[in-house]
Amino acid sequence: MKKKYVNILANLKECGLNPKGKMYVFLDGIQAKPEVVRAIKYLYDHYKIKFFLSGSSSFYIKNLFPESLIDKKFIFELCPLAFEEFLLFRDKNGKFGPSLNQQDKNKNQIFYESTRKFYDEYLEYGGFPEVVLTDQRKDKILKIKDIFKSYFEKDVKNLAGFSKINSFRDLILLLAHRNGEKPDISKLSPEIGVSKMTVYSYLSFFAQC
């Protein structure tokens, strides 16, 4: 096993990295290759290589690392854009104030009218940066579909282990149309054709993602 890790180091050297200096390695999609974490631990312990790991699901990232890495890692969750950030991406003033009280004092009809159309767009398409920066409506929709397909097929379908994966997908689509509402398990269960306990397990998964 040690030889395998040393071979990884040799490959890193071929990429121009110097183990005697500072080394930074960036890896994306880490949830798809959980076995790589052992190599990361070995290389960090022996060569102080710093790794920046990213993945599309915090549910897997949080549970990916062994106990021996707990005091050697920091986890950052990147959320979609808030509406203030959305406005900045659209080259608009997105400063509402540091607190709700200050925001209430700053509100006015002119600002409301100038941002209302952007808020409608934000509610319809969400806060994924790539979607926000896309101009055409049809392209926005295509990108959103691609994001959903990528998440559903690569993460949920391959890694979650749910036996009724189509029911899980149906629940995602149902909840998307009921954003902001308290989910009624007794109604959701018959709509997607699974038991209440199964719905609870799906919602628990969502809460950890």
N, C-alpha and C. Protein backbone atom coordinates (compact mmCIF):
# COMPACT_ATOMS: atom_id res chain seq x y z
N MET A 1 0.83 -1.21 0.00
CA MET A 1 0.00 0.00 0.00
C MET A 1 0.86 1.26 0.00
N LYS A 2 1.94 1.24 0.82
CA LYS A 2 2.84 2.39 0.88
C LYS A 2 3.45 2.67 -0.48
N LYS A 3 3.82 1.61 -1.21
CA LYS A 3 4.42 1.77 -2.53
C LYS A 3 3.45 2.47 -3.48
N LYS A 4 2.16 2.14 -3.35
CA LYS A 4 1.15 2.76 -4.21
C LYS A 4 1.10 4.26 -3.96
N TYR A 5 1.18 4.66 -2.69
CA TYR A 5 1.12 6.08 -2.35
C TYR A 5 2.38 6.81 -2.83
N VAL A 6 3.52 6.13 -2.74
CA VAL A 6 4.77 6.73 -3.24
C VAL A 6 4.70 6.93 -4.74
N ASN A 7 4.03 6.01 -5.43
CA ASN A 7 3.85 6.16 -6.87
C ASN A 7 2.99 7.39 -7.19
N ILE A 8 2.02 7.66 -6.33
CA ILE A 8 1.20 8.86 -6.51
C ILE A 8 2.07 10.10 -6.38
N LEU A 9 2.97 10.08 -5.40
CA LEU A 9 3.88 11.20 -5.20
C LEU A 9 4.78 11.39 -6.42
N ALA A 10 5.24 10.29 -6.99
CA ALA A 10 6.08 10.37 -8.19
C ALA A 10 5.33 11.01 -9.35
N ASN A 11 4.05 10.68 -9.47
CA ASN A 11 3.24 11.28 -10.53
C ASN A 11 3.03 12.77 -10.29
N LEU A 12 2.91 13.15 -9.02
CA LEU A 12 2.77 14.57 -8.70
C LEU A 12 4.04 15.33 -9.06
N LYS A 13 5.17 14.69 -8.85
CA LYS A 13 6.45 15.31 -9.21
C LYS A 13 6.52 15.54 -10.72
N GLU A 14 5.97 14.59 -11.48
CA GLU A 14 5.97 14.72 -12.94
C GLU A 14 5.14 15.93 -13.39
N CYS A 15 4.20 16.31 -12.53
CA CYS A 15 3.36 17.49 -12.84
C CYS A 15 4.04 18.79 -12.42
N GLY A 16 5.27 18.68 -11.90
CA GLY A 16 6.01 19.87 -11.53
C GLY A 16 5.93 20.25 -10.07
N LEU A 17 5.32 19.39 -9.24
CA LEU A 17 5.20 19.69 -7.81
C LEU A 17 6.44 19.23 -7.07
N ASN A 18 6.87 20.01 -6.11
CA ASN A 18 8.08 19.71 -5.36
C ASN A 18 7.74 19.39 -3.91
N PRO A 19 7.91 18.13 -3.47
CA PRO A 19 7.56 17.75 -2.09
C PRO A 19 8.42 18.43 -1.04
N LYS A 20 9.56 19.00 -1.44
CA LYS A 20 10.41 19.69 -0.48
C LYS A 20 9.93 21.14 -0.24
N GLY A 21 9.06 21.60 -1.10
CA GLY A 21 8.49 22.94 -0.93
C GLY A 21 7.03 22.82 -0.55
N LYS A 22 6.27 23.88 -0.82
CA LYS A 22 4.84 23.83 -0.53
C LYS A 22 4.11 23.18 -1.70
N MET A 23 3.26 22.23 -1.37
CA MET A 23 2.50 21.53 -2.41
C MET A 23 1.01 21.66 -2.13
N TYR A 24 0.26 22.04 -3.15
CA TYR A 24 -1.19 22.15 -3.05
C TYR A 24 -1.82 21.36 -4.18
N VAL A 25 -2.73 20.47 -3.82
CA VAL A 25 -3.39 19.62 -4.81
C VAL A 25 -4.90 19.84 -4.72
N PHE A 26 -5.54 20.12 -5.85
CA PHE A 26 -6.98 20.37 -5.90
C PHE A 26 -7.67 19.20 -6.60
N LEU A 27 -8.64 18.60 -5.91
CA LEU A 27 -9.37 17.47 -6.47
C LEU A 27 -10.87 17.74 -6.38
N ASP A 28 -11.58 17.55 -7.49
CA ASP A 28 -13.03 17.76 -7.52
C ASP A 28 -13.74 16.42 -7.66
N GLY A 29 -15.00 16.37 -7.25
CA GLY A 29 -15.78 15.13 -7.35
C GLY A 29 -15.29 14.06 -6.40
N ILE A 30 -14.83 14.46 -5.24
CA ILE A 30 -14.19 13.53 -4.31
C ILE A 30 -15.16 12.45 -3.82
N GLN A 31 -16.48 12.75 -3.82
CA GLN A 31 -17.44 11.77 -3.32
C GLN A 31 -17.51 10.53 -4.19
N ALA A 32 -17.04 10.64 -5.43
CA ALA A 32 -17.09 9.50 -6.35
C ALA A 32 -15.93 8.52 -6.13
N LYS A 33 -14.88 8.96 -5.41
CA LYS A 33 -13.71 8.11 -5.17
C LYS A 33 -13.32 8.17 -3.69
N PRO A 34 -14.15 7.64 -2.80
CA PRO A 34 -13.87 7.73 -1.36
C PRO A 34 -12.57 7.06 -0.94
N GLU A 35 -12.12 6.07 -1.74
CA GLU A 35 -10.89 5.35 -1.37
C GLU A 35 -9.65 6.23 -1.45
N VAL A 36 -9.73 7.35 -2.16
CA VAL A 36 -8.56 8.22 -2.30
C VAL A 36 -8.21 8.91 -0.99
N VAL A 37 -9.14 8.93 -0.04
CA VAL A 37 -8.90 9.62 1.23
C VAL A 37 -7.72 9.01 1.99
N ARG A 38 -7.52 7.71 1.88
CA ARG A 38 -6.39 7.06 2.57
C ARG A 38 -5.07 7.56 2.01
N ALA A 39 -5.02 7.70 0.71
CA ALA A 39 -3.80 8.23 0.09
C ALA A 39 -3.57 9.67 0.51
N ILE A 40 -4.63 10.43 0.61
CA ILE A 40 -4.53 11.83 1.03
C ILE A 40 -3.95 11.91 2.44
N LYS A 41 -4.45 11.06 3.33
CA LYS A 41 -3.93 11.06 4.71
C LYS A 41 -2.45 10.72 4.74
N TYR A 42 -2.05 9.71 3.97
CA TYR A 42 -0.63 9.30 3.95
C TYR A 42 0.25 10.43 3.44
N LEU A 43 -0.15 11.04 2.34
CA LEU A 43 0.67 12.11 1.74
C LEU A 43 0.71 13.36 2.62
N TYR A 44 -0.38 13.60 3.32
CA TYR A 44 -0.39 14.75 4.23
C TYR A 44 0.52 14.48 5.43
N ASP A 45 0.42 13.29 6.00
CA ASP A 45 1.22 12.95 7.19
C ASP A 45 2.72 12.91 6.90
N HIS A 46 3.10 12.42 5.71
CA HIS A 46 4.52 12.23 5.41
C HIS A 46 5.16 13.37 4.63
N TYR A 47 4.35 14.11 3.87
CA TYR A 47 4.94 15.15 3.03
C TYR A 47 4.28 16.52 3.20
N LYS A 48 3.31 16.60 4.10
CA LYS A 48 2.62 17.86 4.40
C LYS A 48 1.99 18.49 3.15
N ILE A 49 1.57 17.65 2.23
CA ILE A 49 0.88 18.15 1.05
C ILE A 49 -0.53 18.60 1.46
N LYS A 50 -0.91 19.78 1.07
CA LYS A 50 -2.24 20.28 1.39
C LYS A 50 -3.19 20.01 0.23
N PHE A 51 -4.32 19.42 0.58
CA PHE A 51 -5.32 19.06 -0.42
C PHE A 51 -6.56 19.94 -0.28
N PHE A 52 -7.08 20.39 -1.41
CA PHE A 52 -8.34 21.11 -1.47
C PHE A 52 -9.32 20.21 -2.21
N LEU A 53 -10.29 19.68 -1.47
CA LEU A 53 -11.20 18.69 -2.03
C LEU A 53 -12.60 19.28 -2.17
N SER A 54 -13.22 19.06 -3.30
CA SER A 54 -14.57 19.58 -3.51
C SER A 54 -15.47 18.48 -4.05
N GLY A 55 -16.75 18.62 -3.77
CA GLY A 55 -17.73 17.66 -4.23
C GLY A 55 -19.09 18.28 -4.23
N SER A 56 -20.04 17.65 -4.91
CA SER A 56 -21.36 18.23 -5.07
C SER A 56 -22.31 17.91 -3.94
N SER A 57 -21.90 17.12 -2.96
CA SER A 57 -22.81 16.76 -1.87
C SER A 57 -22.08 16.79 -0.54
N SER A 58 -22.52 17.69 0.35
CA SER A 58 -21.91 17.77 1.67
C SER A 58 -22.23 16.52 2.49
N PHE A 59 -23.31 15.81 2.14
CA PHE A 59 -23.68 14.59 2.85
C PHE A 59 -22.54 13.57 2.80
N TYR A 60 -21.90 13.45 1.64
CA TYR A 60 -20.81 12.48 1.50
C TYR A 60 -19.49 13.06 2.00
N ILE A 61 -19.27 14.34 1.76
CA ILE A 61 -18.02 14.96 2.18
C ILE A 61 -17.84 14.87 3.69
N LYS A 62 -18.91 15.15 4.43
CA LYS A 62 -18.83 15.16 5.89
C LYS A 62 -18.48 13.79 6.46
N ASN A 63 -18.95 12.74 5.78
CA ASN A 63 -18.75 11.39 6.30
C ASN A 63 -17.63 10.63 5.60
N LEU A 64 -16.85 11.36 4.83
CA LEU A 64 -15.85 10.70 3.99
C LEU A 64 -14.54 10.45 4.71
N PHE A 65 -14.20 11.29 5.67
CA PHE A 65 -12.87 11.27 6.23
C PHE A 65 -12.78 10.40 7.49
N PRO A 66 -11.68 9.67 7.65
CA PRO A 66 -11.50 8.85 8.85
C PRO A 66 -11.27 9.72 10.08
N GLU A 67 -11.44 9.10 11.25
CA GLU A 67 -11.28 9.83 12.51
C GLU A 67 -9.91 10.49 12.62
N SER A 68 -8.88 9.86 12.05
CA SER A 68 -7.52 10.38 12.17
C SER A 68 -7.31 11.70 11.44
N LEU A 69 -8.28 12.09 10.60
CA LEU A 69 -8.16 13.36 9.87
C LEU A 69 -9.02 14.47 10.46
N ILE A 70 -9.72 14.18 11.55
CA ILE A 70 -10.67 15.14 12.09
C ILE A 70 -10.01 16.45 12.45
N ASP A 71 -8.84 16.41 13.07
CA ASP A 71 -8.18 17.65 13.50
C ASP A 71 -7.27 18.23 12.41
N LYS A 72 -7.35 17.69 11.20
CA LYS A 72 -6.47 18.15 10.13
C LYS A 72 -7.25 18.68 8.92
N LYS A 73 -8.53 18.92 9.11
CA LYS A 73 -9.34 19.33 7.97
C LYS A 73 -10.30 20.45 8.37
N PHE A 74 -10.69 21.21 7.38
CA PHE A 74 -11.73 22.23 7.52
C PHE A 74 -12.73 22.02 6.41
N ILE A 75 -14.01 22.10 6.74
CA ILE A 75 -15.07 21.90 5.75
C ILE A 75 -15.79 23.22 5.51
N PHE A 76 -15.91 23.61 4.26
CA PHE A 76 -16.62 24.81 3.86
C PHE A 76 -17.77 24.42 2.94
N GLU A 77 -18.96 24.89 3.25
CA GLU A 77 -20.12 24.62 2.40
C GLU A 77 -20.41 25.83 1.53
N LEU A 78 -20.45 25.63 0.23
CA LEU A 78 -20.75 26.71 -0.72
C LEU A 78 -22.21 26.60 -1.15
N CYS A 79 -22.98 27.60 -0.77
CA CYS A 79 -24.40 27.62 -1.09
C CYS A 79 -24.65 28.42 -2.38
N PRO A 80 -25.80 28.22 -3.01
CA PRO A 80 -26.15 29.08 -4.15
C PRO A 80 -26.20 30.54 -3.73
N LEU A 81 -26.23 31.43 -4.69
CA LEU A 81 -26.20 32.86 -4.40
C LEU A 81 -27.44 33.30 -3.62
N ALA A 82 -27.23 34.13 -2.60
CA ALA A 82 -28.34 34.83 -1.97
C ALA A 82 -28.79 35.94 -2.91
N PHE A 83 -29.95 36.53 -2.64
CA PHE A 83 -30.47 37.54 -3.57
C PHE A 83 -29.54 38.75 -3.67
N GLU A 84 -28.93 39.15 -2.57
CA GLU A 84 -27.96 40.26 -2.61
C GLU A 84 -26.81 39.93 -3.54
N GLU A 85 -26.31 38.71 -3.44
CA GLU A 85 -25.20 38.28 -4.31
C GLU A 85 -25.68 38.19 -5.77
N PHE A 86 -26.92 37.73 -5.95
CA PHE A 86 -27.51 37.66 -7.28
C PHE A 86 -27.49 39.03 -7.95
N LEU A 87 -27.86 40.07 -7.20
CA LEU A 87 -27.88 41.42 -7.76
C LEU A 87 -26.47 41.87 -8.14
N LEU A 88 -25.49 41.53 -7.32
CA LEU A 88 -24.11 41.90 -7.64
C LEU A 88 -23.65 41.22 -8.93
N PHE A 89 -24.06 39.97 -9.12
CA PHE A 89 -23.72 39.25 -10.34
C PHE A 89 -24.36 39.90 -11.57
N ARG A 90 -25.48 40.60 -11.34
CA ARG A 90 -26.16 41.28 -12.43
C ARG A 90 -25.81 42.76 -12.49
N ASP A 91 -24.71 43.12 -11.81
CA ASP A 91 -24.19 44.50 -11.80
C ASP A 91 -25.19 45.50 -11.23
N LYS A 92 -25.92 45.06 -10.19
CA LYS A 92 -26.86 45.93 -9.51
C LYS A 92 -26.45 46.08 -8.05
N ASN A 93 -26.89 47.16 -7.43
CA ASN A 93 -26.60 47.38 -6.02
C ASN A 93 -27.31 46.34 -5.18
N GLY A 94 -26.54 45.51 -4.47
CA GLY A 94 -27.14 44.44 -3.68
C GLY A 94 -27.00 44.63 -2.19
N LYS A 95 -26.76 45.85 -1.74
CA LYS A 95 -26.57 46.11 -0.32
C LYS A 95 -27.91 46.46 0.34
N PHE A 96 -28.43 45.53 1.13
CA PHE A 96 -29.70 45.77 1.80
C PHE A 96 -29.53 46.29 3.23
N GLY A 97 -28.35 46.09 3.82
CA GLY A 97 -28.13 46.47 5.21
C GLY A 97 -27.70 45.28 6.02
N PRO A 98 -26.95 45.51 7.11
CA PRO A 98 -26.40 44.40 7.90
C PRO A 98 -27.42 43.67 8.77
N SER A 99 -28.59 44.25 9.00
CA SER A 99 -29.59 43.63 9.86
C SER A 99 -30.98 43.85 9.28
N LEU A 100 -31.96 43.09 9.77
CA LEU A 100 -33.33 43.24 9.29
C LEU A 100 -33.89 44.62 9.63
N ASN A 101 -33.53 45.14 10.82
CA ASN A 101 -33.99 46.47 11.20
C ASN A 101 -33.45 47.53 10.24
N GLN A 102 -32.16 47.41 9.89
CA GLN A 102 -31.56 48.37 8.97
C GLN A 102 -32.16 48.23 7.57
N GLN A 103 -32.42 47.00 7.17
CA GLN A 103 -33.03 46.78 5.86
C GLN A 103 -34.43 47.40 5.80
N ASP A 104 -35.15 47.30 6.92
CA ASP A 104 -36.49 47.88 6.98
C ASP A 104 -36.44 49.40 6.84
N LYS A 105 -35.42 50.02 7.45
CA LYS A 105 -35.27 51.47 7.37
C LYS A 105 -34.87 51.92 5.96
N ASN A 106 -34.11 51.07 5.27
CA ASN A 106 -33.60 51.45 3.96
C ASN A 106 -34.57 51.22 2.81
N LYS A 107 -35.64 50.50 3.06
CA LYS A 107 -36.54 50.14 1.96
C LYS A 107 -37.26 51.38 1.43
N ASN A 108 -37.48 51.38 0.10
CA ASN A 108 -38.20 52.47 -0.54
C ASN A 108 -38.79 51.97 -1.85
N GLN A 109 -39.75 52.70 -2.37
CA GLN A 109 -40.49 52.27 -3.54
C GLN A 109 -39.62 52.21 -4.79
N ILE A 110 -38.69 53.13 -4.92
CA ILE A 110 -37.83 53.17 -6.10
C ILE A 110 -36.94 51.92 -6.16
N PHE A 111 -36.35 51.59 -5.02
CA PHE A 111 -35.49 50.41 -4.99
C PHE A 111 -36.32 49.15 -5.26
N TYR A 112 -37.52 49.12 -4.68
CA TYR A 112 -38.40 47.96 -4.89
C TYR A 112 -38.71 47.77 -6.38
N GLU A 113 -39.10 48.84 -7.04
CA GLU A 113 -39.47 48.75 -8.45
C GLU A 113 -38.27 48.38 -9.33
N SER A 114 -37.07 48.84 -8.94
CA SER A 114 -35.88 48.58 -9.75
C SER A 114 -35.35 47.16 -9.59
N THR A 115 -35.74 46.50 -8.51
CA THR A 115 -35.22 45.14 -8.25
C THR A 115 -36.29 44.06 -8.37
N ARG A 116 -37.55 44.47 -8.53
CA ARG A 116 -38.63 43.47 -8.51
C ARG A 116 -38.47 42.44 -9.62
N LYS A 117 -38.13 42.88 -10.83
CA LYS A 117 -37.99 41.93 -11.94
C LYS A 117 -36.84 40.96 -11.70
N PHE A 118 -35.80 41.45 -11.02
CA PHE A 118 -34.67 40.57 -10.72
C PHE A 118 -35.06 39.54 -9.66
N TYR A 119 -35.90 39.97 -8.72
CA TYR A 119 -36.34 39.02 -7.69
C TYR A 119 -37.22 37.94 -8.30
N ASP A 120 -38.07 38.33 -9.26
CA ASP A 120 -38.90 37.34 -9.95
C ASP A 120 -38.02 36.34 -10.69
N GLU A 121 -36.97 36.84 -11.32
CA GLU A 121 -36.03 35.96 -12.02
C GLU A 121 -35.31 35.04 -11.05
N TYR A 122 -34.93 35.60 -9.89
CA TYR A 122 -34.22 34.82 -8.87
C TYR A 122 -35.11 33.68 -8.35
N LEU A 123 -36.40 33.98 -8.14
CA LEU A 123 -37.34 32.96 -7.66
C LEU A 123 -37.55 31.87 -8.71
N GLU A 124 -37.54 32.25 -9.98
CA GLU A 124 -37.81 31.28 -11.05
C GLU A 124 -36.61 30.40 -11.36
N TYR A 125 -35.41 30.98 -11.38
CA TYR A 125 -34.24 30.21 -11.83
C TYR A 125 -33.24 29.88 -10.72
N GLY A 126 -33.39 30.49 -9.55
CA GLY A 126 -32.49 30.15 -8.45
C GLY A 126 -31.17 30.91 -8.49
N GLY A 127 -30.23 30.44 -7.67
CA GLY A 127 -28.99 31.18 -7.49
C GLY A 127 -27.72 30.47 -7.91
N PHE A 128 -27.82 29.51 -8.84
CA PHE A 128 -26.59 28.91 -9.34
C PHE A 128 -25.86 29.94 -10.20
N PRO A 129 -24.60 30.25 -9.88
CA PRO A 129 -23.88 31.32 -10.58
C PRO A 129 -23.89 31.20 -12.10
N GLU A 130 -23.67 30.00 -12.62
CA GLU A 130 -23.63 29.82 -14.07
C GLU A 130 -24.98 30.15 -14.71
N VAL A 131 -26.06 29.79 -14.01
CA VAL A 131 -27.40 30.08 -14.53
C VAL A 131 -27.67 31.58 -14.47
N VAL A 132 -27.26 32.22 -13.38
CA VAL A 132 -27.47 33.66 -13.21
C VAL A 132 -26.78 34.45 -14.32
N LEU A 133 -25.59 34.01 -14.71
CA LEU A 133 -24.80 34.73 -15.71
C LEU A 133 -25.22 34.40 -17.15
N THR A 134 -26.17 33.49 -17.30
CA THR A 134 -26.66 33.14 -18.64
C THR A 134 -27.83 34.06 -19.00
N ASP A 135 -27.81 34.61 -20.19
CA ASP A 135 -28.81 35.61 -20.58
C ASP A 135 -30.11 35.02 -21.11
N GLN A 136 -30.02 34.07 -22.00
CA GLN A 136 -31.22 33.56 -22.67
C GLN A 136 -31.99 32.59 -21.77
N ARG A 137 -33.31 32.73 -21.77
CA ARG A 137 -34.17 31.90 -20.93
C ARG A 137 -34.01 30.41 -21.26
N LYS A 138 -33.98 30.09 -22.55
CA LYS A 138 -33.87 28.68 -22.93
C LYS A 138 -32.55 28.09 -22.47
N ASP A 139 -31.48 28.89 -22.47
CA ASP A 139 -30.18 28.41 -22.01
C ASP A 139 -30.18 28.22 -20.49
N LYS A 140 -30.88 29.10 -19.79
CA LYS A 140 -31.00 28.95 -18.33
C LYS A 140 -31.68 27.63 -17.99
N ILE A 141 -32.77 27.34 -18.70
CA ILE A 141 -33.52 26.11 -18.45
C ILE A 141 -32.66 24.88 -18.74
N LEU A 142 -31.90 24.93 -19.83
CA LEU A 142 -31.03 23.80 -20.17
C LEU A 142 -29.97 23.57 -19.11
N LYS A 143 -29.41 24.65 -18.58
CA LYS A 143 -28.38 24.53 -17.54
C LYS A 143 -28.96 23.97 -16.25
N ILE A 144 -30.17 24.41 -15.89
CA ILE A 144 -30.83 23.90 -14.68
C ILE A 144 -31.11 22.41 -14.83
N LYS A 145 -31.60 22.01 -16.00
CA LYS A 145 -31.86 20.59 -16.24
C LYS A 145 -30.57 19.78 -16.16
N ASP A 146 -29.49 20.34 -16.67
CA ASP A 146 -28.20 19.65 -16.63
C ASP A 146 -27.70 19.51 -15.19
N ILE A 147 -27.90 20.54 -14.37
CA ILE A 147 -27.50 20.49 -12.97
C ILE A 147 -28.29 19.40 -12.23
N PHE A 148 -29.60 19.37 -12.47
CA PHE A 148 -30.44 18.37 -11.82
C PHE A 148 -30.05 16.96 -12.25
N LYS A 149 -29.86 16.80 -13.56
CA LYS A 149 -29.50 15.47 -14.09
C LYS A 149 -28.16 15.02 -13.52
N SER A 150 -27.21 15.94 -13.44
CA SER A 150 -25.89 15.59 -12.92
C SER A 150 -25.99 15.18 -11.46
N TYR A 151 -26.74 15.95 -10.66
CA TYR A 151 -26.88 15.63 -9.24
C TYR A 151 -27.61 14.32 -9.05
N PHE A 152 -28.71 14.16 -9.77
CA PHE A 152 -29.54 12.97 -9.58
C PHE A 152 -28.84 11.70 -10.03
N GLU A 153 -28.24 11.73 -11.22
CA GLU A 153 -27.66 10.52 -11.78
C GLU A 153 -26.29 10.18 -11.19
N LYS A 154 -25.47 11.22 -10.92
CA LYS A 154 -24.11 10.95 -10.46
C LYS A 154 -24.02 10.78 -8.95
N ASP A 155 -24.81 11.55 -8.22
CA ASP A 155 -24.71 11.51 -6.76
C ASP A 155 -25.78 10.63 -6.13
N VAL A 156 -27.03 10.98 -6.34
CA VAL A 156 -28.12 10.26 -5.69
C VAL A 156 -28.23 8.83 -6.20
N LYS A 157 -28.30 8.69 -7.52
CA LYS A 157 -28.52 7.37 -8.11
C LYS A 157 -27.37 6.41 -7.82
N ASN A 158 -26.16 6.90 -7.88
CA ASN A 158 -25.00 6.02 -7.74
C ASN A 158 -24.54 5.84 -6.30
N LEU A 159 -24.84 6.82 -5.43
CA LEU A 159 -24.25 6.79 -4.10
C LEU A 159 -25.25 6.67 -2.96
N ALA A 160 -26.47 7.13 -3.14
CA ALA A 160 -27.41 7.16 -2.02
C ALA A 160 -27.89 5.76 -1.63
N GLY A 161 -28.04 4.86 -2.60
CA GLY A 161 -28.44 3.51 -2.28
C GLY A 161 -29.94 3.34 -2.06
N PHE A 162 -30.76 4.29 -2.49
CA PHE A 162 -32.20 4.15 -2.34
C PHE A 162 -32.72 3.14 -3.35
N SER A 163 -33.58 2.23 -2.90
CA SER A 163 -34.07 1.18 -3.79
C SER A 163 -35.11 1.71 -4.78
N LYS A 164 -35.91 2.70 -4.35
CA LYS A 164 -36.94 3.26 -5.22
C LYS A 164 -36.49 4.63 -5.69
N ILE A 165 -35.54 4.64 -6.58
CA ILE A 165 -34.90 5.89 -6.98
C ILE A 165 -35.86 6.80 -7.75
N ASN A 166 -36.81 6.22 -8.48
CA ASN A 166 -37.77 7.05 -9.22
C ASN A 166 -38.70 7.79 -8.26
N SER A 167 -39.04 7.15 -7.15
CA SER A 167 -39.88 7.80 -6.14
C SER A 167 -39.12 8.96 -5.50
N PHE A 168 -37.84 8.77 -5.31
CA PHE A 168 -37.00 9.83 -4.76
C PHE A 168 -36.97 11.04 -5.70
N ARG A 169 -36.84 10.77 -7.00
CA ARG A 169 -36.87 11.84 -7.99
C ARG A 169 -38.21 12.56 -8.00
N ASP A 170 -39.30 11.78 -7.90
CA ASP A 170 -40.64 12.38 -7.89
C ASP A 170 -40.82 13.29 -6.68
N LEU A 171 -40.25 12.91 -5.54
CA LEU A 171 -40.35 13.75 -4.35
C LEU A 171 -39.60 15.06 -4.54
N ILE A 172 -38.44 15.00 -5.18
CA ILE A 172 -37.69 16.23 -5.46
C ILE A 172 -38.54 17.19 -6.29
N LEU A 173 -39.20 16.67 -7.31
CA LEU A 173 -40.00 17.51 -8.20
C LEU A 173 -41.23 18.06 -7.48
N LEU A 174 -41.84 17.25 -6.61
CA LEU A 174 -43.00 17.71 -5.85
C LEU A 174 -42.62 18.84 -4.89
N LEU A 175 -41.51 18.66 -4.20
CA LEU A 175 -41.07 19.66 -3.23
C LEU A 175 -40.64 20.95 -3.91
N ALA A 176 -40.13 20.84 -5.13
CA ALA A 176 -39.70 22.03 -5.87
C ALA A 176 -40.87 22.96 -6.14
N HIS A 177 -42.06 22.38 -6.30
CA HIS A 177 -43.26 23.19 -6.56
C HIS A 177 -43.93 23.64 -5.26
N ARG A 178 -43.40 23.20 -4.12
CA ARG A 178 -43.99 23.58 -2.84
C ARG A 178 -42.95 24.26 -1.96
N ASN A 179 -42.06 24.99 -2.60
CA ASN A 179 -40.99 25.67 -1.89
C ASN A 179 -41.57 26.64 -0.85
N GLY A 180 -41.09 26.53 0.38
CA GLY A 180 -41.56 27.41 1.45
C GLY A 180 -42.72 26.83 2.25
N GLU A 181 -43.31 25.74 1.78
CA GLU A 181 -44.41 25.11 2.49
C GLU A 181 -43.89 24.01 3.41
N LYS A 182 -44.60 23.79 4.50
CA LYS A 182 -44.27 22.68 5.38
C LYS A 182 -44.72 21.38 4.73
N PRO A 183 -43.81 20.43 4.53
CA PRO A 183 -44.20 19.19 3.85
C PRO A 183 -45.19 18.37 4.65
N ASP A 184 -46.25 17.93 4.01
CA ASP A 184 -47.27 17.09 4.64
C ASP A 184 -46.99 15.64 4.24
N ILE A 185 -46.41 14.89 5.16
CA ILE A 185 -45.98 13.52 4.86
C ILE A 185 -47.16 12.65 4.45
N SER A 186 -48.30 12.85 5.08
CA SER A 186 -49.47 12.01 4.79
C SER A 186 -49.97 12.21 3.36
N LYS A 187 -49.69 13.38 2.77
CA LYS A 187 -50.09 13.63 1.38
C LYS A 187 -48.99 13.25 0.40
N LEU A 188 -47.74 13.47 0.79
CA LEU A 188 -46.63 13.16 -0.10
C LEU A 188 -46.49 11.65 -0.30
N SER A 189 -46.71 10.89 0.76
CA SER A 189 -46.54 9.44 0.70
C SER A 189 -47.37 8.78 -0.41
N PRO A 190 -48.69 8.99 -0.46
CA PRO A 190 -49.46 8.35 -1.54
C PRO A 190 -49.19 8.94 -2.92
N GLU A 191 -48.78 10.20 -2.98
CA GLU A 191 -48.52 10.83 -4.27
C GLU A 191 -47.35 10.17 -4.99
N ILE A 192 -46.33 9.76 -4.23
CA ILE A 192 -45.17 9.14 -4.89
C ILE A 192 -45.15 7.62 -4.71
N GLY A 193 -46.14 7.09 -3.98
CA GLY A 193 -46.30 5.64 -3.89
C GLY A 193 -45.32 4.93 -2.98
N VAL A 194 -44.92 5.57 -1.88
CA VAL A 194 -44.04 4.92 -0.91
C VAL A 194 -44.59 5.16 0.50
N SER A 195 -44.04 4.45 1.47
CA SER A 195 -44.51 4.58 2.85
C SER A 195 -44.07 5.91 3.46
N LYS A 196 -44.70 6.28 4.57
CA LYS A 196 -44.32 7.51 5.27
C LYS A 196 -42.88 7.43 5.76
N MET A 197 -42.47 6.26 6.22
CA MET A 197 -41.09 6.10 6.71
C MET A 197 -40.08 6.34 5.59
N THR A 198 -40.43 5.91 4.38
CA THR A 198 -39.54 6.13 3.24
C THR A 198 -39.43 7.62 2.94
N VAL A 199 -40.56 8.32 3.00
CA VAL A 199 -40.54 9.77 2.78
C VAL A 199 -39.67 10.45 3.83
N TYR A 200 -39.81 10.01 5.09
CA TYR A 200 -38.98 10.57 6.16
C TYR A 200 -37.49 10.35 5.88
N SER A 201 -37.14 9.17 5.36
CA SER A 201 -35.73 8.88 5.06
C SER A 201 -35.23 9.77 3.93
N TYR A 202 -36.09 10.04 2.94
CA TYR A 202 -35.71 10.94 1.85
C TYR A 202 -35.49 12.35 2.39
N LEU A 203 -36.40 12.83 3.22
CA LEU A 203 -36.29 14.18 3.77
C LEU A 203 -35.06 14.31 4.67
N SER A 204 -34.74 13.25 5.39
CA SER A 204 -33.54 13.26 6.23
C SER A 204 -32.30 13.38 5.37
N PHE A 205 -32.29 12.71 4.23
CA PHE A 205 -31.18 12.81 3.29
C PHE A 205 -31.04 14.23 2.78
N PHE A 206 -32.18 14.86 2.41
CA PHE A 206 -32.15 16.24 1.93
C PHE A 206 -31.57 17.17 2.99
N ALA A 207 -31.97 16.95 4.24
CA ALA A 207 -31.54 17.85 5.32
C ALA A 207 -30.03 17.82 5.52
N GLN A 208 -29.38 16.70 5.15
CA GLN A 208 -27.95 16.57 5.36
C GLN A 208 -27.13 16.93 4.12
N CYS A 209 -27.80 17.21 3.01
CA CYS A 209 -27.09 17.53 1.78
C CYS A 209 -26.75 19.01 1.71
